[in-house]
Amino acid sequence: MHGVLLACRADMEIIRAAWREDVGGWLVAIESLRSRLLDEPCVAEAGVDRMRATRAGQASDAPPADQLLPIQKIVDDNN
């Protein structure tokens, strides 16, 4: 039984390493795509990165999330 468990553990480590490699590759690809998109004139002109900071600042007058009803959280998170 011990030998089977050790073999399973070794297989799990191989699978985990392959998964980390795949995920790491995807993250690099996503960040590269994001960077290229931000360099596009139409995206840069729209100020997409600045919009995130502006939205966060505008939400400061809203009640804290723990005081919202569940449906309000869903609606507000989608805006």
PDB file of N, CA and C in Angstrom:
ATOM      1  N   MET A   1       0.823  -1.189   0.000  1.00  0.00           N
ATOM      2  CA  MET A   1       0.000   0.000   0.000  1.00  0.00           C
ATOM      3  C   MET A   1       0.876   1.265   0.000  1.00  0.00           C
ATOM      4  N   HIS A   2       1.940   1.204   0.779  1.00  0.00           N
ATOM      5  CA  HIS A   2       2.838   2.356   0.865  1.00  0.00           C
ATOM      6  C   HIS A   2       3.439   2.686  -0.508  1.00  0.00           C
ATOM      7  N   GLY A   3       3.810   1.657  -1.253  1.00  0.00           N
ATOM      8  CA  GLY A   3       4.372   1.861  -2.591  1.00  0.00           C
ATOM      9  C   GLY A   3       3.373   2.513  -3.532  1.00  0.00           C
ATOM     10  N   VAL A   4       2.110   2.118  -3.421  1.00  0.00           N
ATOM     11  CA  VAL A   4       1.062   2.708  -4.264  1.00  0.00           C
ATOM     12  C   VAL A   4       0.890   4.184  -3.922  1.00  0.00           C
ATOM     13  N   LEU A   5       0.882   4.493  -2.638  1.00  0.00           N
ATOM     14  CA  LEU A   5       0.741   5.888  -2.211  1.00  0.00           C
ATOM     15  C   LEU A   5       1.911   6.738  -2.693  1.00  0.00           C
ATOM     16  N   LEU A   6       3.112   6.198  -2.625  1.00  0.00           N
ATOM     17  CA  LEU A   6       4.278   6.938  -3.110  1.00  0.00           C
ATOM     18  C   LEU A   6       4.201   7.165  -4.616  1.00  0.00           C
ATOM     19  N   ALA A   7       3.737   6.158  -5.349  1.00  0.00           N
ATOM     20  CA  ALA A   7       3.589   6.304  -6.803  1.00  0.00           C
ATOM     21  C   ALA A   7       2.535   7.357  -7.126  1.00  0.00           C
ATOM     22  N   CYS A   8       1.431   7.326  -6.393  1.00  0.00           N
ATOM     23  CA  CYS A   8       0.376   8.333  -6.598  1.00  0.00           C
ATOM     24  C   CYS A   8       0.903   9.731  -6.291  1.00  0.00           C
ATOM     25  N   ARG A   9       1.687   9.831  -5.235  1.00  0.00           N
ATOM     26  CA  ARG A   9       2.247  11.132  -4.865  1.00  0.00           C
ATOM     27  C   ARG A   9       3.173  11.653  -5.964  1.00  0.00           C
ATOM     28  N   ALA A  10       3.981  10.771  -6.515  1.00  0.00           N
ATOM     29  CA  ALA A  10       4.887  11.170  -7.600  1.00  0.00           C
ATOM     30  C   ALA A  10       4.087  11.612  -8.814  1.00  0.00           C
ATOM     31  N   ASP A  11       3.019  10.874  -9.139  1.00  0.00           N
ATOM     32  CA  ASP A  11       2.157  11.261 -10.262  1.00  0.00           C
ATOM     33  C   ASP A  11       1.506  12.615 -10.009  1.00  0.00           C
ATOM     34  N   MET A  12       1.066  12.837  -8.784  1.00  0.00           N
ATOM     35  CA  MET A  12       0.446  14.122  -8.439  1.00  0.00           C
ATOM     36  C   MET A  12       1.432  15.267  -8.615  1.00  0.00           C
ATOM     37  N   GLU A  13       2.668  15.055  -8.224  1.00  0.00           N
ATOM     38  CA  GLU A  13       3.680  16.101  -8.369  1.00  0.00           C
ATOM     39  C   GLU A  13       3.938  16.417  -9.840  1.00  0.00           C
ATOM     40  N   ILE A  14       3.940  15.391 -10.680  1.00  0.00           N
ATOM     41  CA  ILE A  14       4.123  15.610 -12.122  1.00  0.00           C
ATOM     42  C   ILE A  14       2.955  16.416 -12.678  1.00  0.00           C
ATOM     43  N   ILE A  15       1.749  16.043 -12.278  1.00  0.00           N
ATOM     44  CA  ILE A  15       0.553  16.761 -12.743  1.00  0.00           C
ATOM     45  C   ILE A  15       0.568  18.204 -12.255  1.00  0.00           C
ATOM     46  N   ARG A  16       0.913  18.412 -10.997  1.00  0.00           N
ATOM     47  CA  ARG A  16       0.975  19.781 -10.452  1.00  0.00           C
ATOM     48  C   ARG A  16       2.001  20.634 -11.195  1.00  0.00           C
ATOM     49  N   ALA A  17       3.157  20.061 -11.470  1.00  0.00           N
ATOM     50  CA  ALA A  17       4.198  20.812 -12.182  1.00  0.00           C
ATOM     51  C   ALA A  17       3.724  21.188 -13.582  1.00  0.00           C
ATOM     52  N   ALA A  18       3.074  20.254 -14.268  1.00  0.00           N
ATOM     53  CA  ALA A  18       2.553  20.547 -15.613  1.00  0.00           C
ATOM     54  C   ALA A  18       1.472  21.615 -15.542  1.00  0.00           C
ATOM     55  N   TRP A  19       0.606  21.531 -14.538  1.00  0.00           N
ATOM     56  CA  TRP A  19      -0.460  22.523 -14.370  1.00  0.00           C
ATOM     57  C   TRP A  19       0.126  23.907 -14.123  1.00  0.00           C
ATOM     58  N   ARG A  20       1.116  23.996 -13.234  1.00  0.00           N
ATOM     59  CA  ARG A  20       1.755  25.291 -12.955  1.00  0.00           C
ATOM     60  C   ARG A  20       2.387  25.867 -14.211  1.00  0.00           C
ATOM     61  N   GLU A  21       2.996  25.002 -15.007  1.00  0.00           N
ATOM     62  CA  GLU A  21       3.617  25.450 -16.252  1.00  0.00           C
ATOM     63  C   GLU A  21       2.555  25.989 -17.218  1.00  0.00           C
ATOM     64  N   ASP A  22       1.444  25.276 -17.343  1.00  0.00           N
ATOM     65  CA  ASP A  22       0.354  25.728 -18.224  1.00  0.00           C
ATOM     66  C   ASP A  22      -0.232  27.048 -17.747  1.00  0.00           C
ATOM     67  N   VAL A  23      -0.530  27.125 -16.464  1.00  0.00           N
ATOM     68  CA  VAL A  23      -1.130  28.342 -15.911  1.00  0.00           C
ATOM     69  C   VAL A  23      -0.168  29.510 -16.046  1.00  0.00           C
ATOM     70  N   GLY A  24       1.093  29.290 -15.754  1.00  0.00           N
ATOM     71  CA  GLY A  24       2.088  30.353 -15.894  1.00  0.00           C
ATOM     72  C   GLY A  24       2.155  30.864 -17.315  1.00  0.00           C
ATOM     73  N   GLY A  25       2.086  29.947 -18.269  1.00  0.00           N
ATOM     74  CA  GLY A  25       2.093  30.354 -19.674  1.00  0.00           C
ATOM     75  C   GLY A  25       0.882  31.192 -20.029  1.00  0.00           C
ATOM     76  N   TRP A  26      -0.276  30.787 -19.525  1.00  0.00           N
ATOM     77  CA  TRP A  26      -1.493  31.563 -19.790  1.00  0.00           C
ATOM     78  C   TRP A  26      -1.407  32.947 -19.170  1.00  0.00           C
ATOM     79  N   LEU A  27      -0.890  33.036 -17.953  1.00  0.00           N
ATOM     80  CA  LEU A  27      -0.794  34.345 -17.296  1.00  0.00           C
ATOM     81  C   LEU A  27       0.133  35.278 -18.061  1.00  0.00           C
ATOM     82  N   VAL A  28       1.235  34.745 -18.554  1.00  0.00           N
ATOM     83  CA  VAL A  28       2.162  35.556 -19.353  1.00  0.00           C
ATOM     84  C   VAL A  28       1.475  36.018 -20.631  1.00  0.00           C
ATOM     85  N   ALA A  29       0.738  35.118 -21.275  1.00  0.00           N
ATOM     86  CA  ALA A  29       0.037  35.475 -22.513  1.00  0.00           C
ATOM     87  C   ALA A  29      -1.032  36.534 -22.262  1.00  0.00           C
ATOM     88  N   ILE A  30      -1.767  36.398 -21.179  1.00  0.00           N
ATOM     89  CA  ILE A  30      -2.815  37.375 -20.848  1.00  0.00           C
ATOM     90  C   ILE A  30      -2.198  38.736 -20.574  1.00  0.00           C
ATOM     91  N   GLU A  31      -1.134  38.778 -19.804  1.00  0.00           N
ATOM     92  CA  GLU A  31      -0.491  40.054 -19.495  1.00  0.00           C
ATOM     93  C   GLU A  31       0.096  40.689 -20.747  1.00  0.00           C
ATOM     94  N   SER A  32       0.650  39.875 -21.628  1.00  0.00           N
ATOM     95  CA  SER A  32       1.189  40.391 -22.884  1.00  0.00           C
ATOM     96  C   SER A  32       0.080  40.993 -23.737  1.00  0.00           C
ATOM     97  N   LEU A  33      -1.044  40.299 -23.830  1.00  0.00           N
ATOM     98  CA  LEU A  33      -2.184  40.809 -24.599  1.00  0.00           C
ATOM     99  C   LEU A  33      -2.706  42.106 -23.993  1.00  0.00           C
ATOM    100  N   ARG A  34      -2.821  42.144 -22.674  1.00  0.00           N
ATOM    101  CA  ARG A  34      -3.284  43.353 -21.983  1.00  0.00           C
ATOM    102  C   ARG A  34      -2.358  44.527 -22.276  1.00  0.00           C
ATOM    103  N   SER A  35      -1.070  44.281 -22.219  1.00  0.00           N
ATOM    104  CA  SER A  35      -0.093  45.332 -22.476  1.00  0.00           C
ATOM    105  C   SER A  35      -0.210  45.852 -23.902  1.00  0.00           C
ATOM    106  N   ARG A  36      -0.352  44.921 -24.855  1.00  0.00           N
ATOM    107  CA  ARG A  36      -0.489  45.342 -26.261  1.00  0.00           C
ATOM    108  C   ARG A  36      -1.777  46.119 -26.480  1.00  0.00           C
ATOM    109  N   LEU A  37      -2.851  45.690 -25.837  1.00  0.00           N
ATOM    110  CA  LEU A  37      -4.117  46.412 -25.986  1.00  0.00           C
ATOM    111  C   LEU A  37      -4.024  47.820 -25.416  1.00  0.00           C
ATOM    112  N   LEU A  38      -3.364  47.959 -24.280  1.00  0.00           N
ATOM    113  CA  LEU A  38      -3.227  49.289 -23.675  1.00  0.00           C
ATOM    114  C   LEU A  38      -2.388  50.214 -24.546  1.00  0.00           C
ATOM    115  N   ASP A  39      -1.514  49.641 -25.375  1.00  0.00           N
ATOM    116  CA  ASP A  39      -0.697  50.447 -26.284  1.00  0.00           C
ATOM    117  C   ASP A  39      -1.446  50.864 -27.547  1.00  0.00           C
ATOM    118  N   GLU A  40      -2.587  50.230 -27.821  1.00  0.00           N
ATOM    119  CA  GLU A  40      -3.370  50.597 -29.004  1.00  0.00           C
ATOM    120  C   GLU A  40      -3.891  52.026 -28.842  1.00  0.00           C
ATOM    121  N   PRO A  41      -3.817  52.841 -29.885  1.00  0.00           N
ATOM    122  CA  PRO A  41      -4.235  54.246 -29.781  1.00  0.00           C
ATOM    123  C   PRO A  41      -5.662  54.429 -29.268  1.00  0.00           C
ATOM    124  N   CYS A  42      -6.609  53.629 -29.760  1.00  0.00           N
ATOM    125  CA  CYS A  42      -7.995  53.827 -29.328  1.00  0.00           C
ATOM    126  C   CYS A  42      -8.178  53.489 -27.849  1.00  0.00           C
ATOM    127  N   VAL A  43      -7.461  52.486 -27.343  1.00  0.00           N
ATOM    128  CA  VAL A  43      -7.565  52.109 -25.934  1.00  0.00           C
ATOM    129  C   VAL A  43      -6.841  53.131 -25.071  1.00  0.00           C
ATOM    130  N   ALA A  44      -5.659  53.556 -25.504  1.00  0.00           N
ATOM    131  CA  ALA A  44      -4.905  54.558 -24.751  1.00  0.00           C
ATOM    132  C   ALA A  44      -5.691  55.860 -24.670  1.00  0.00           C
ATOM    133  N   GLU A  45      -6.342  56.233 -25.769  1.00  0.00           N
ATOM    134  CA  GLU A  45      -7.124  57.466 -25.803  1.00  0.00           C
ATOM    135  C   GLU A  45      -8.324  57.384 -24.860  1.00  0.00           C
ATOM    136  N   ALA A  46      -8.912  56.205 -24.736  1.00  0.00           N
ATOM    137  CA  ALA A  46     -10.076  56.025 -23.863  1.00  0.00           C
ATOM    138  C   ALA A  46      -9.684  56.054 -22.392  1.00  0.00           C
ATOM    139  N   GLY A  47      -8.422  55.865 -22.066  1.00  0.00           N
ATOM    140  CA  GLY A  47      -7.957  55.907 -20.675  1.00  0.00           C
ATOM    141  C   GLY A  47      -8.548  54.791 -19.826  1.00  0.00           C
ATOM    142  N   VAL A  48      -8.497  53.566 -20.321  1.00  0.00           N
ATOM    143  CA  VAL A  48      -9.111  52.435 -19.636  1.00  0.00           C
ATOM    144  C   VAL A  48      -8.537  52.250 -18.239  1.00  0.00           C
ATOM    145  N   ASP A  49      -7.230  52.313 -18.069  1.00  0.00           N
ATOM    146  CA  ASP A  49      -6.636  52.144 -16.741  1.00  0.00           C
ATOM    147  C   ASP A  49      -7.081  53.247 -15.791  1.00  0.00           C
ATOM    148  N   ARG A  50      -7.190  54.463 -16.296  1.00  0.00           N
ATOM    149  CA  ARG A  50      -7.626  55.571 -15.440  1.00  0.00           C
ATOM    150  C   ARG A  50      -9.083  55.414 -15.037  1.00  0.00           C
ATOM    151  N   MET A  51      -9.900  54.769 -15.871  1.00  0.00           N
ATOM    152  CA  MET A  51     -11.310  54.582 -15.559  1.00  0.00           C
ATOM    153  C   MET A  51     -11.487  53.731 -14.310  1.00  0.00           C
ATOM    154  N   ARG A  52     -10.642  52.746 -14.112  1.00  0.00           N
ATOM    155  CA  ARG A  52     -10.745  51.904 -12.918  1.00  0.00           C
ATOM    156  C   ARG A  52     -10.542  52.731 -11.658  1.00  0.00           C
ATOM    157  N   ALA A  53      -9.537  53.565 -11.644  1.00  0.00           N
ATOM    158  CA  ALA A  53      -9.269  54.399 -10.469  1.00  0.00           C
ATOM    159  C   ALA A  53     -10.403  55.389 -10.250  1.00  0.00           C
ATOM    160  N   THR A  54     -10.948  55.943 -11.321  1.00  0.00           N
ATOM    161  CA  THR A  54     -12.045  56.899 -11.207  1.00  0.00           C
ATOM    162  C   THR A  54     -13.273  56.226 -10.638  1.00  0.00           C
ATOM    163  N   ARG A  55     -13.588  55.044 -11.100  1.00  0.00           N
ATOM    164  CA  ARG A  55     -14.750  54.318 -10.580  1.00  0.00           C
ATOM    165  C   ARG A  55     -14.593  54.034  -9.096  1.00  0.00           C
ATOM    166  N   ALA A  56     -13.419  53.667  -8.678  1.00  0.00           N
ATOM    167  CA  ALA A  56     -13.187  53.383  -7.261  1.00  0.00           C
ATOM    168  C   ALA A  56     -13.396  54.639  -6.432  1.00  0.00           C
ATOM    169  N   GLY A  57     -12.962  55.786  -6.936  1.00  0.00           N
ATOM    170  CA  GLY A  57     -13.142  57.044  -6.226  1.00  0.00           C
ATOM    171  C   GLY A  57     -14.591  57.469  -6.167  1.00  0.00           C
ATOM    172  N   GLN A  58     -15.365  57.218  -7.215  1.00  0.00           N
ATOM    173  CA  GLN A  58     -16.770  57.591  -7.246  1.00  0.00           C
ATOM    174  C   GLN A  58     -17.592  56.746  -6.297  1.00  0.00           C
ATOM    175  N   ALA A  59     -17.176  55.545  -6.043  1.00  0.00           N
ATOM    176  CA  ALA A  59     -17.940  54.642  -5.189  1.00  0.00           C
ATOM    177  C   ALA A  59     -17.769  54.961  -3.710  1.00  0.00           C
ATOM    178  N   SER A  60     -16.954  55.938  -3.358  1.00  0.00           N
ATOM    179  CA  SER A  60     -16.687  56.218  -1.950  1.00  0.00           C
ATOM    180  C   SER A  60     -17.920  56.702  -1.204  1.00  0.00           C
ATOM    181  N   ASP A  61     -18.921  57.300  -1.900  1.00  0.00           N
ATOM    182  CA  ASP A  61     -20.112  57.772  -1.208  1.00  0.00           C
ATOM    183  C   ASP A  61     -21.153  56.661  -1.067  1.00  0.00           C
ATOM    184  N   ALA A  62     -20.904  55.492  -1.612  1.00  0.00           N
ATOM    185  CA  ALA A  62     -21.813  54.358  -1.503  1.00  0.00           C
ATOM    186  C   ALA A  62     -21.632  53.702  -0.139  1.00  0.00           C
ATOM    187  N   PRO A  63     -22.697  53.068   0.369  1.00  0.00           N
ATOM    188  CA  PRO A  63     -22.562  52.377   1.659  1.00  0.00           C
ATOM    189  C   PRO A  63     -21.608  51.196   1.532  1.00  0.00           C
ATOM    190  N   PRO A  64     -20.994  50.786   2.642  1.00  0.00           N
ATOM    191  CA  PRO A  64     -20.083  49.640   2.602  1.00  0.00           C
ATOM    192  C   PRO A  64     -20.808  48.390   2.103  1.00  0.00           C
ATOM    193  N   ALA A  65     -20.088  47.485   1.493  1.00  0.00           N
ATOM    194  CA  ALA A  65     -20.677  46.285   0.894  1.00  0.00           C
ATOM    195  C   ALA A  65     -21.439  45.439   1.903  1.00  0.00           C
ATOM    196  N   ASP A  66     -20.989  45.414   3.160  1.00  0.00           N
ATOM    197  CA  ASP A  66     -21.672  44.578   4.151  1.00  0.00           C
ATOM    198  C   ASP A  66     -23.029  45.155   4.558  1.00  0.00           C
ATOM    199  N   GLN A  67     -23.333  46.401   4.174  1.00  0.00           N
ATOM    200  CA  GLN A  67     -24.623  47.007   4.476  1.00  0.00           C
ATOM    201  C   GLN A  67     -25.595  46.901   3.304  1.00  0.00           C
ATOM    202  N   LEU A  68     -25.151  46.365   2.179  1.00  0.00           N
ATOM    203  CA  LEU A  68     -26.010  46.225   1.012  1.00  0.00           C
ATOM    204  C   LEU A  68     -26.792  44.919   1.075  1.00  0.00           C
ATOM    205  N   LEU A  69     -27.969  44.920   0.472  1.00  0.00           N
ATOM    206  CA  LEU A  69     -28.719  43.686   0.315  1.00  0.00           C
ATOM    207  C   LEU A  69     -28.015  42.835  -0.736  1.00  0.00           C
ATOM    208  N   PRO A  70     -28.188  41.518  -0.694  1.00  0.00           N
ATOM    209  CA  PRO A  70     -27.498  40.663  -1.679  1.00  0.00           C
ATOM    210  C   PRO A  70     -27.756  41.071  -3.125  1.00  0.00           C
ATOM    211  N   ILE A  71     -28.983  41.470  -3.463  1.00  0.00           N
ATOM    212  CA  ILE A  71     -29.273  41.850  -4.843  1.00  0.00           C
ATOM    213  C   ILE A  71     -28.534  43.132  -5.217  1.00  0.00           C
ATOM    214  N   GLN A  72     -28.339  44.045  -4.259  1.00  0.00           N
ATOM    215  CA  GLN A  72     -27.601  45.275  -4.534  1.00  0.00           C
ATOM    216  C   GLN A  72     -26.143  44.967  -4.838  1.00  0.00           C
ATOM    217  N   LYS A  73     -25.586  43.993  -4.149  1.00  0.00           N
ATOM    218  CA  LYS A  73     -24.196  43.621  -4.394  1.00  0.00           C
ATOM    219  C   LYS A  73     -24.029  43.112  -5.818  1.00  0.00           C
ATOM    220  N   ILE A  74     -24.969  42.285  -6.266  1.00  0.00           N
ATOM    221  CA  ILE A  74     -24.880  41.722  -7.612  1.00  0.00           C
ATOM    222  C   ILE A  74     -24.976  42.826  -8.647  1.00  0.00           C
ATOM    223  N   VAL A  75     -25.945  43.710  -8.488  1.00  0.00           N
ATOM    224  CA  VAL A  75     -26.140  44.792  -9.456  1.00  0.00           C
ATOM    225  C   VAL A  75     -24.946  45.723  -9.456  1.00  0.00           C
ATOM    226  N   ASP A  76     -24.475  46.105  -8.273  1.00  0.00           N
ATOM    227  CA  ASP A  76     -23.357  47.038  -8.190  1.00  0.00           C
ATOM    228  C   ASP A  76     -22.067  46.426  -8.720  1.00  0.00           C
ATOM    229  N   ASP A  77     -21.855  45.142  -8.507  1.00  0.00           N
ATOM    230  CA  ASP A  77     -20.637  44.499  -8.996  1.00  0.00           C
ATOM    231  C   ASP A  77     -20.605  44.416 -10.512  1.00  0.00           C
ATOM    232  N   ASN A  78     -21.767  44.416 -11.139  1.00  0.00           N
ATOM    233  CA  ASN A  78     -21.814  44.321 -12.598  1.00  0.00           C
ATOM    234  C   ASN A  78     -21.684  45.674 -13.265  1.00  0.00           C
ATOM    235  N   ASN A  79     -21.744  46.752 -12.542  1.00  0.00           N
ATOM    236  CA  ASN A  79     -21.670  48.098 -13.144  1.00  0.00           C
ATOM    237  C   ASN A  79     -20.271  48.573 -13.269  1.00  0.00           C
TER     238      ASN A  79
END
